[in-house]
C-alpha atoms as a PDB file:
ATOM      1  CA  UNK A   1      -7.502  13.832 -19.125  1.00  0.00           C
ATOM      2  CA  UNK A   2      -4.439  15.466 -17.622  1.00  0.00           C
ATOM      3  CA  UNK A   3      -1.574  13.358 -16.496  1.00  0.00           C
ATOM      4  CA  UNK A   4      -0.924  12.398 -12.896  1.00  0.00           C
ATOM      5  CA  UNK A   5       2.660  12.397 -11.686  1.00  0.00           C
ATOM      6  CA  UNK A   6       3.505  10.090  -8.768  1.00  0.00           C
ATOM      7  CA  UNK A   7       6.719  10.763  -6.920  1.00  0.00           C
ATOM      8  CA  UNK A   8       7.650   7.470  -5.207  1.00  0.00           C
ATOM      9  CA  UNK A   9      10.206   4.795  -4.581  1.00  0.00           C
ATOM     10  CA  UNK A  10       9.882   1.421  -6.312  1.00  0.00           C
ATOM     11  CA  UNK A  11       8.847  -1.105  -3.702  1.00  0.00           C
ATOM     12  CA  UNK A  12       6.950   1.409  -1.501  1.00  0.00           C
ATOM     13  CA  UNK A  13       3.575  -0.144  -0.567  1.00  0.00           C
ATOM     14  CA  UNK A  14       2.127   3.321  -0.121  1.00  0.00           C
ATOM     15  CA  UNK A  15       3.303   4.409  -3.563  1.00  0.00           C
ATOM     16  CA  UNK A  16       1.916   1.216  -4.979  1.00  0.00           C
ATOM     17  CA  UNK A  17      -1.503   1.964  -3.516  1.00  0.00           C
ATOM     18  CA  UNK A  18      -1.581   5.184  -5.449  1.00  0.00           C
ATOM     19  CA  UNK A  19      -0.405   3.552  -8.707  1.00  0.00           C
ATOM     20  CA  UNK A  20      -2.839   0.707  -8.336  1.00  0.00           C
ATOM     21  CA  UNK A  21      -5.705   3.168  -7.772  1.00  0.00           C
ATOM     22  CA  UNK A  22      -4.754   5.022 -10.931  1.00  0.00           C
ATOM     23  CA  UNK A  23      -4.706   1.695 -12.768  1.00  0.00           C
ATOM     24  CA  UNK A  24      -8.146   0.782 -11.431  1.00  0.00           C
ATOM     25  CA  UNK A  25      -9.366   4.185 -12.748  1.00  0.00           C
ATOM     26  CA  UNK A  26      -7.697   3.757 -16.122  1.00  0.00           C
ATOM     27  CA  UNK A  27      -6.063   7.134 -15.643  1.00  0.00           C
ATOM     28  CA  UNK A  28      -2.825   8.235 -17.331  1.00  0.00           C
ATOM     29  CA  UNK A  29       0.089   8.634 -14.974  1.00  0.00           C
ATOM     30  CA  UNK A  30       3.850   8.983 -14.898  1.00  0.00           C
ATOM     31  CA  UNK A  31       6.216   7.757 -12.252  1.00  0.00           C
ATOM     32  CA  UNK A  32       8.742  10.324 -11.041  1.00  0.00           C
ATOM     33  CA  UNK A  33      11.165   8.061  -9.156  1.00  0.00           C
ATOM     34  CA  UNK A  34      12.589   9.208  -5.849  1.00  0.00           C
ATOM     35  CA  UNK A  35      16.036   7.688  -5.621  1.00  0.00           C
ATOM     36  CA  UNK A  36      16.974   5.915  -2.421  1.00  0.00           C
ATOM     37  CA  UNK A  37      18.735   8.197  -0.010  1.00  0.00           C
ATOM     38  CA  UNK A  38      17.294  11.362  -1.508  1.00  0.00           C
ATOM     39  CA  UNK A  39      14.047  11.672   0.438  1.00  0.00           C
ATOM     40  CA  UNK A  40      15.654  14.306   2.653  1.00  0.00           C
ATOM     41  CA  UNK A  41      16.990  16.311  -0.246  1.00  0.00           C
ATOM     42  CA  UNK A  42      15.848  19.929  -0.590  1.00  0.00           C
ATOM     43  CA  UNK A  43      14.095  19.024  -3.874  1.00  0.00           C
ATOM     44  CA  UNK A  44      11.981  16.318  -2.283  1.00  0.00           C
ATOM     45  CA  UNK A  45      11.400  18.159   0.982  1.00  0.00           C
ATOM     46  CA  UNK A  46       9.861  20.931  -1.106  1.00  0.00           C
ATOM     47  CA  UNK A  47       7.258  18.372  -2.182  1.00  0.00           C
ATOM     48  CA  UNK A  48       6.911  16.571   1.157  1.00  0.00           C
ATOM     49  CA  UNK A  49       8.268  18.380   4.260  1.00  0.00           C
ATOM     50  CA  UNK A  50       8.416  15.099   6.163  1.00  0.00           C
ATOM     51  CA  UNK A  51      10.564  13.442   3.562  1.00  0.00           C
ATOM     52  CA  UNK A  52       8.351  10.492   2.728  1.00  0.00           C
ATOM     53  CA  UNK A  53       6.582   9.033  -0.332  1.00  0.00           C
ATOM     54  CA  UNK A  54       4.346   9.138  -2.259  1.00  0.00           C
ATOM     55  CA  UNK A  55       3.542  12.656  -3.510  1.00  0.00           C
ATOM     56  CA  UNK A  56       0.925  13.263  -6.176  1.00  0.00           C
ATOM     57  CA  UNK A  57       1.268  16.071  -8.661  1.00  0.00           C
ATOM     58  CA  UNK A  58      -1.745  16.999 -10.833  1.00  0.00           C
ATOM     59  CA  UNK A  59      -2.074  20.209 -12.817  1.00  0.00           C
ATOM     60  CA  UNK A  60       0.194  22.049 -10.439  1.00  0.00           C
ATOM     61  CA  UNK A  61      -1.589  20.670  -7.351  1.00  0.00           C
ATOM     62  CA  UNK A  62       0.776  18.832  -4.986  1.00  0.00           C
ATOM     63  CA  UNK A  63      -0.597  16.397  -2.418  1.00  0.00           C
ATOM     64  CA  UNK A  64       1.006  14.034   0.042  1.00  0.00           C
ATOM     65  CA  UNK A  65      -0.386  11.467   2.505  1.00  0.00           C
ATOM     66  CA  UNK A  66      -1.608   8.316   0.814  1.00  0.00           C
ATOM     67  CA  UNK A  67      -5.124   8.322   2.176  1.00  0.00           C
ATOM     68  CA  UNK A  68      -5.613  11.961   1.038  1.00  0.00           C
ATOM     69  CA  UNK A  69      -4.282  11.076  -2.387  1.00  0.00           C
ATOM     70  CA  UNK A  70      -6.557   8.054  -2.792  1.00  0.00           C
ATOM     71  CA  UNK A  71      -9.623   9.975  -1.760  1.00  0.00           C
ATOM     72  CA  UNK A  72      -8.695  12.859  -4.092  1.00  0.00           C
ATOM     73  CA  UNK A  73      -8.383  10.413  -6.995  1.00  0.00           C
ATOM     74  CA  UNK A  74     -11.709   8.865  -6.188  1.00  0.00           C
ATOM     75  CA  UNK A  75     -13.386  12.268  -6.147  1.00  0.00           C
ATOM     76  CA  UNK A  76     -11.990  13.616  -9.401  1.00  0.00           C
ATOM     77  CA  UNK A  77     -12.117  10.256 -11.197  1.00  0.00           C
ATOM     78  CA  UNK A  78     -15.516   9.090 -10.005  1.00  0.00           C
ATOM     79  CA  UNK A  79     -15.761   6.004 -12.223  1.00  0.00           C
ATOM     80  CA  UNK A  80     -15.417   3.315 -11.162  1.00  0.00           C
ATOM     81  CA  UNK A  81     -16.188   4.435  -7.629  1.00  0.00           C
ATOM     82  CA  UNK A  82     -13.903   3.018  -4.990  1.00  0.00           C
ATOM     83  CA  UNK A  83     -15.875   4.332  -2.000  1.00  0.00           C
ATOM     84  CA  UNK A  84     -19.032   2.537  -0.920  1.00  0.00           C
ATOM     85  CA  UNK A  85     -22.215   4.568  -1.047  1.00  0.00           C
ATOM     86  CA  UNK A  86     -23.483   2.934   2.160  1.00  0.00           C
ATOM     87  CA  UNK A  87     -22.271   4.926   5.174  1.00  0.00           C
ATOM     88  CA  UNK A  88     -21.429   1.904   7.269  1.00  0.00           C
ATOM     89  CA  UNK A  89     -19.493   0.230   4.504  1.00  0.00           C
ATOM     90  CA  UNK A  90     -17.647   3.513   3.876  1.00  0.00           C
ATOM     91  CA  UNK A  91     -16.856   3.652   7.562  1.00  0.00           C
ATOM     92  CA  UNK A  92     -15.391   0.154   7.422  1.00  0.00           C
ATOM     93  CA  UNK A  93     -13.303   1.274   4.489  1.00  0.00           C
ATOM     94  CA  UNK A  94     -11.956   4.228   6.519  1.00  0.00           C
ATOM     95  CA  UNK A  95     -11.353   1.987   9.512  1.00  0.00           C
ATOM     96  CA  UNK A  96      -9.320  -0.540   7.475  1.00  0.00           C
ATOM     97  CA  UNK A  97      -7.299   2.254   5.892  1.00  0.00           C
ATOM     98  CA  UNK A  98      -6.373   3.564   9.320  1.00  0.00           C
ATOM     99  CA  UNK A  99      -5.457   0.078  10.536  1.00  0.00           C
ATOM    100  CA  UNK A 100      -3.066  -0.096   7.625  1.00  0.00           C
ATOM    101  CA  UNK A 101      -1.305   3.172   8.594  1.00  0.00           C
ATOM    102  CA  UNK A 102      -1.309   2.946  12.363  1.00  0.00           C
ATOM    103  CA  UNK A 103      -1.093  -0.719  13.182  1.00  0.00           C
ATOM    104  CA  UNK A 104      -0.091  -2.802  10.107  1.00  0.00           C
ATOM    105  CA  UNK A 105       2.711  -0.450   9.151  1.00  0.00           C
ATOM    106  CA  UNK A 106       3.753   1.141  12.423  1.00  0.00           C
ATOM    107  CA  UNK A 107       5.581  -1.388  14.542  1.00  0.00           C
ATOM    108  CA  UNK A 108       4.702  -4.333  12.308  1.00  0.00           C
ATOM    109  CA  UNK A 109       5.431  -3.842   8.593  1.00  0.00           C
ATOM    110  CA  UNK A 110       8.183  -1.329   9.200  1.00  0.00           C
ATOM    111  CA  UNK A 111       9.833  -3.928  11.437  1.00  0.00           C
ATOM    112  CA  UNK A 112       9.099  -7.385  10.054  1.00  0.00           C
ATOM    113  CA  UNK A 113       8.992  -6.495   6.353  1.00  0.00           C
ATOM    114  CA  UNK A 114      11.913  -4.159   6.741  1.00  0.00           C
ATOM    115  CA  UNK A 115      14.162  -6.769   8.333  1.00  0.00           C
ATOM    116  CA  UNK A 116      12.993  -9.703   6.206  1.00  0.00           C
ATOM    117  CA  UNK A 117      12.668  -8.033   2.783  1.00  0.00           C
ATOM    118  CA  UNK A 118      13.907  -4.458   2.560  1.00  0.00           C
ATOM    119  CA  UNK A 119      17.143  -4.610   4.530  1.00  0.00           C
ATOM    120  CA  UNK A 120      18.405  -7.815   2.827  1.00  0.00           C
ATOM    121  CA  UNK A 121      17.350  -6.815  -0.645  1.00  0.00           C
ATOM    122  CA  UNK A 122      18.441  -3.195  -0.627  1.00  0.00           C
ATOM    123  CA  UNK A 123      21.040  -2.867   2.087  1.00  0.00           C
ATOM    124  CA  UNK A 124      22.503  -6.356   2.121  1.00  0.00           C
ATOM    125  CA  UNK A 125      21.842  -6.615   5.846  1.00  0.00           C
ATOM    126  CA  UNK A 126      20.838  -9.700   7.759  1.00  0.00           C
ATOM    127  CA  UNK A 127      17.430  -9.627   9.546  1.00  0.00           C
ATOM    128  CA  UNK A 128      17.341  -8.525  13.166  1.00  0.00           C
ATOM    129  CA  UNK A 129      15.623 -11.585  14.582  1.00  0.00           C
ATOM    130  CA  UNK A 130      15.152 -10.013  18.012  1.00  0.00           C
ATOM    131  CA  UNK A 131      13.317  -7.005  16.466  1.00  0.00           C
ATOM    132  CA  UNK A 132      11.072  -9.356  14.434  1.00  0.00           C
ATOM    133  CA  UNK A 133      10.253 -11.484  17.492  1.00  0.00           C
ATOM    134  CA  UNK A 134       9.362  -8.339  19.495  1.00  0.00           C
ATOM    135  CA  UNK A 135       6.972  -7.210  16.727  1.00  0.00           C
ATOM    136  CA  UNK A 136       5.081 -10.500  16.471  1.00  0.00           C
ATOM    137  CA  UNK A 137       2.583 -10.006  19.289  1.00  0.00           C
ATOM    138  CA  UNK A 138       1.259  -6.822  17.720  1.00  0.00           C
ATOM    139  CA  UNK A 139       1.407  -8.395  14.285  1.00  0.00           C
ATOM    140  CA  UNK A 140      -0.840 -11.254  15.423  1.00  0.00           C
ATOM    141  CA  UNK A 141      -3.383  -8.802  16.806  1.00  0.00           C
ATOM    142  CA  UNK A 142      -3.365  -6.878  13.509  1.00  0.00           C
ATOM    143  CA  UNK A 143      -3.840  -9.897  11.280  1.00  0.00           C
ATOM    144  CA  UNK A 144      -6.469 -11.439  13.509  1.00  0.00           C
ATOM    145  CA  UNK A 145      -8.407  -8.183  13.326  1.00  0.00           C
ATOM    146  CA  UNK A 146      -8.039  -7.886   9.588  1.00  0.00           C
ATOM    147  CA  UNK A 147      -9.416 -11.404   9.219  1.00  0.00           C
ATOM    148  CA  UNK A 148     -12.299 -10.558  11.556  1.00  0.00           C
ATOM    149  CA  UNK A 149     -13.186  -7.371   9.678  1.00  0.00           C
ATOM    150  CA  UNK A 150     -13.013  -9.115   6.269  1.00  0.00           C
ATOM    151  CA  UNK A 151     -15.253 -11.894   7.462  1.00  0.00           C
ATOM    152  CA  UNK A 152     -16.987 -13.671   4.575  1.00  0.00           C
ATOM    153  CA  UNK A 153     -16.794 -10.638   2.273  1.00  0.00           C
ATOM    154  CA  UNK A 154     -14.840 -10.652  -0.921  1.00  0.00           C
ATOM    155  CA  UNK A 155     -13.367  -7.261  -0.062  1.00  0.00           C
ATOM    156  CA  UNK A 156     -13.048  -5.196   3.059  1.00  0.00           C
ATOM    157  CA  UNK A 157     -16.127  -3.083   2.312  1.00  0.00           C
ATOM    158  CA  UNK A 158     -18.249  -5.895   0.990  1.00  0.00           C
ATOM    159  CA  UNK A 159     -18.701  -7.386  -2.469  1.00  0.00           C
ATOM    160  CA  UNK A 160     -16.843  -4.594  -4.317  1.00  0.00           C
ATOM    161  CA  UNK A 161     -13.252  -3.451  -4.115  1.00  0.00           C
ATOM    162  CA  UNK A 162     -12.630  -0.164  -2.282  1.00  0.00           C
ATOM    163  CA  UNK A 163      -9.777   2.135  -1.391  1.00  0.00           C
ATOM    164  CA  UNK A 164      -9.208  -0.018   1.685  1.00  0.00           C
ATOM    165  CA  UNK A 165      -8.245  -3.005  -0.375  1.00  0.00           C
ATOM    166  CA  UNK A 166      -5.878  -0.947  -2.507  1.00  0.00           C
ATOM    167  CA  UNK A 167      -4.159   0.355   0.634  1.00  0.00           C
ATOM    168  CA  UNK A 168      -3.904  -2.982   2.420  1.00  0.00           C
ATOM    169  CA  UNK A 169      -3.005  -5.290  -0.421  1.00  0.00           C
ATOM    170  CA  UNK A 170       0.492  -3.868  -1.246  1.00  0.00           C
ATOM    171  CA  UNK A 171       1.420  -4.093   2.455  1.00  0.00           C
ATOM    172  CA  UNK A 172      -0.090  -7.519   3.083  1.00  0.00           C
ATOM    173  CA  UNK A 173       1.587  -8.909  -0.060  1.00  0.00           C
ATOM    174  CA  UNK A 174       4.984  -8.275   1.485  1.00  0.00           C
ATOM    175  CA  UNK A 175       4.025 -10.544   4.412  1.00  0.00           C
ATOM    176  CA  UNK A 176       3.311 -13.439   2.054  1.00  0.00           C
ATOM    177  CA  UNK A 177       7.051 -13.392   1.257  1.00  0.00           C
ATOM    178  CA  UNK A 178       8.234 -13.910   4.802  1.00  0.00           C
ATOM    179  CA  UNK A 179       8.182 -17.006   7.047  1.00  0.00           C
ATOM    180  CA  UNK A 180       5.989 -15.202   9.570  1.00  0.00           C
ATOM    181  CA  UNK A 181       3.119 -15.459   7.081  1.00  0.00           C
ATOM    182  CA  UNK A 182       2.579 -19.072   8.240  1.00  0.00           C
ATOM    183  CA  UNK A 183       1.596 -17.725  11.634  1.00  0.00           C
ATOM    184  CA  UNK A 184       0.094 -14.397  10.720  1.00  0.00           C
ATOM    185  CA  UNK A 185      -1.879 -14.849   7.497  1.00  0.00           C
ATOM    186  CA  UNK A 186      -1.978 -18.457   6.378  1.00  0.00           C
ATOM    187  CA  UNK A 187      -4.238 -19.594   9.275  1.00  0.00           C
ATOM    188  CA  UNK A 188      -6.946 -17.209   7.972  1.00  0.00           C
ATOM    189  CA  UNK A 189      -8.478 -18.759   4.865  1.00  0.00           C
ATOM    190  CA  UNK A 190     -10.380 -15.573   4.138  1.00  0.00           C
ATOM    191  CA  UNK A 191      -7.248 -13.415   4.142  1.00  0.00           C
ATOM    192  CA  UNK A 192      -5.304 -15.811   1.921  1.00  0.00           C
ATOM    193  CA  UNK A 193      -8.231 -15.871  -0.546  1.00  0.00           C
ATOM    194  CA  UNK A 194      -8.493 -12.112  -0.430  1.00  0.00           C
ATOM    195  CA  UNK A 195      -4.799 -11.460  -1.133  1.00  0.00           C
ATOM    196  CA  UNK A 196      -4.878 -13.940  -3.999  1.00  0.00           C
ATOM    197  CA  UNK A 197      -7.912 -12.145  -5.366  1.00  0.00           C
ATOM    198  CA  UNK A 198      -6.094  -8.825  -5.160  1.00  0.00           C
ATOM    199  CA  UNK A 199      -2.905 -10.157  -6.706  1.00  0.00           C
ATOM    200  CA  UNK A 200      -4.901 -11.381  -9.688  1.00  0.00           C
ATOM    201  CA  UNK A 201      -6.216  -7.883 -10.452  1.00  0.00           C
ATOM    202  CA  UNK A 202      -4.503  -6.129 -13.421  1.00  0.00           C
ATOM    203  CA  UNK A 203      -3.931  -3.097 -11.233  1.00  0.00           C
ATOM    204  CA  UNK A 204      -1.723  -5.119  -8.865  1.00  0.00           C
ATOM    205  CA  UNK A 205       0.021  -6.966 -11.575  1.00  0.00           C
ATOM    206  CA  UNK A 206       0.912  -3.677 -13.305  1.00  0.00           C
ATOM    207  CA  UNK A 207       2.450  -2.215 -10.110  1.00  0.00           C
ATOM    208  CA  UNK A 208       4.729  -4.933  -8.754  1.00  0.00           C
ATOM    209  CA  UNK A 209       8.135  -3.855  -7.439  1.00  0.00           C
ATOM    210  CA  UNK A 210       9.680  -5.218 -10.607  1.00  0.00           C
ATOM    211  CA  UNK A 211       7.311  -3.349 -12.919  1.00  0.00           C
ATOM    212  CA  UNK A 212       7.655  -0.064 -11.023  1.00  0.00           C
ATOM    213  CA  UNK A 213      11.438  -0.458 -11.111  1.00  0.00           C
ATOM    214  CA  UNK A 214      11.177  -0.728 -14.898  1.00  0.00           C
ATOM    215  CA  UNK A 215       9.113   2.482 -14.995  1.00  0.00           C
ATOM    216  CA  UNK A 216      11.727   4.169 -12.808  1.00  0.00           C
ATOM    217  CA  UNK A 217      14.538   3.164 -15.128  1.00  0.00           C
ATOM    218  CA  UNK A 218      12.607   4.457 -18.132  1.00  0.00           C
ATOM    219  CA  UNK A 219      11.757   7.807 -16.461  1.00  0.00           C
END
């Protein structure tokens, strides 16, 4: 099997989704670290014209956008399948993946997680409490809806893990590190059980920020 190259930044939840999917597939991959502050470099813009991560490289084929990458991997590495065969369960998977991109990240994760985790850890900056407070109403809607969609299922598409879980888990895990989790996630027993279930998977344990940082140093 040919090697997959993942261009990403350690700590990126989107990059982690790709790495965790490759781990679930048992596929060989190599991390090509994108150094902080270089996403707008000509070299990276040649891979991703919008200057973001991740980018997948496979046998000369370059692909960006996390959802597209995950679906590509599930098509060319069909076992184990990470897309439900049932059309309605597959639709739920697609819905949850879009919630991740448009609602969990936009205006919620890129505000709360940024100010609570990223800015202090990487930039040495104190959190902007006003920005966090302003993001909380939307955040509550997002987490309430995620809990509703999960329901009594083990995973977002039912009894088996899907691409939706691998997109959501890296993002949701960040929220377990911030005080707002007590309001957003902790009240939902099904969500707390789900994220614990995901964190126990070898694919998630192999792709922590610390582990990916080690891969980046060794690259």
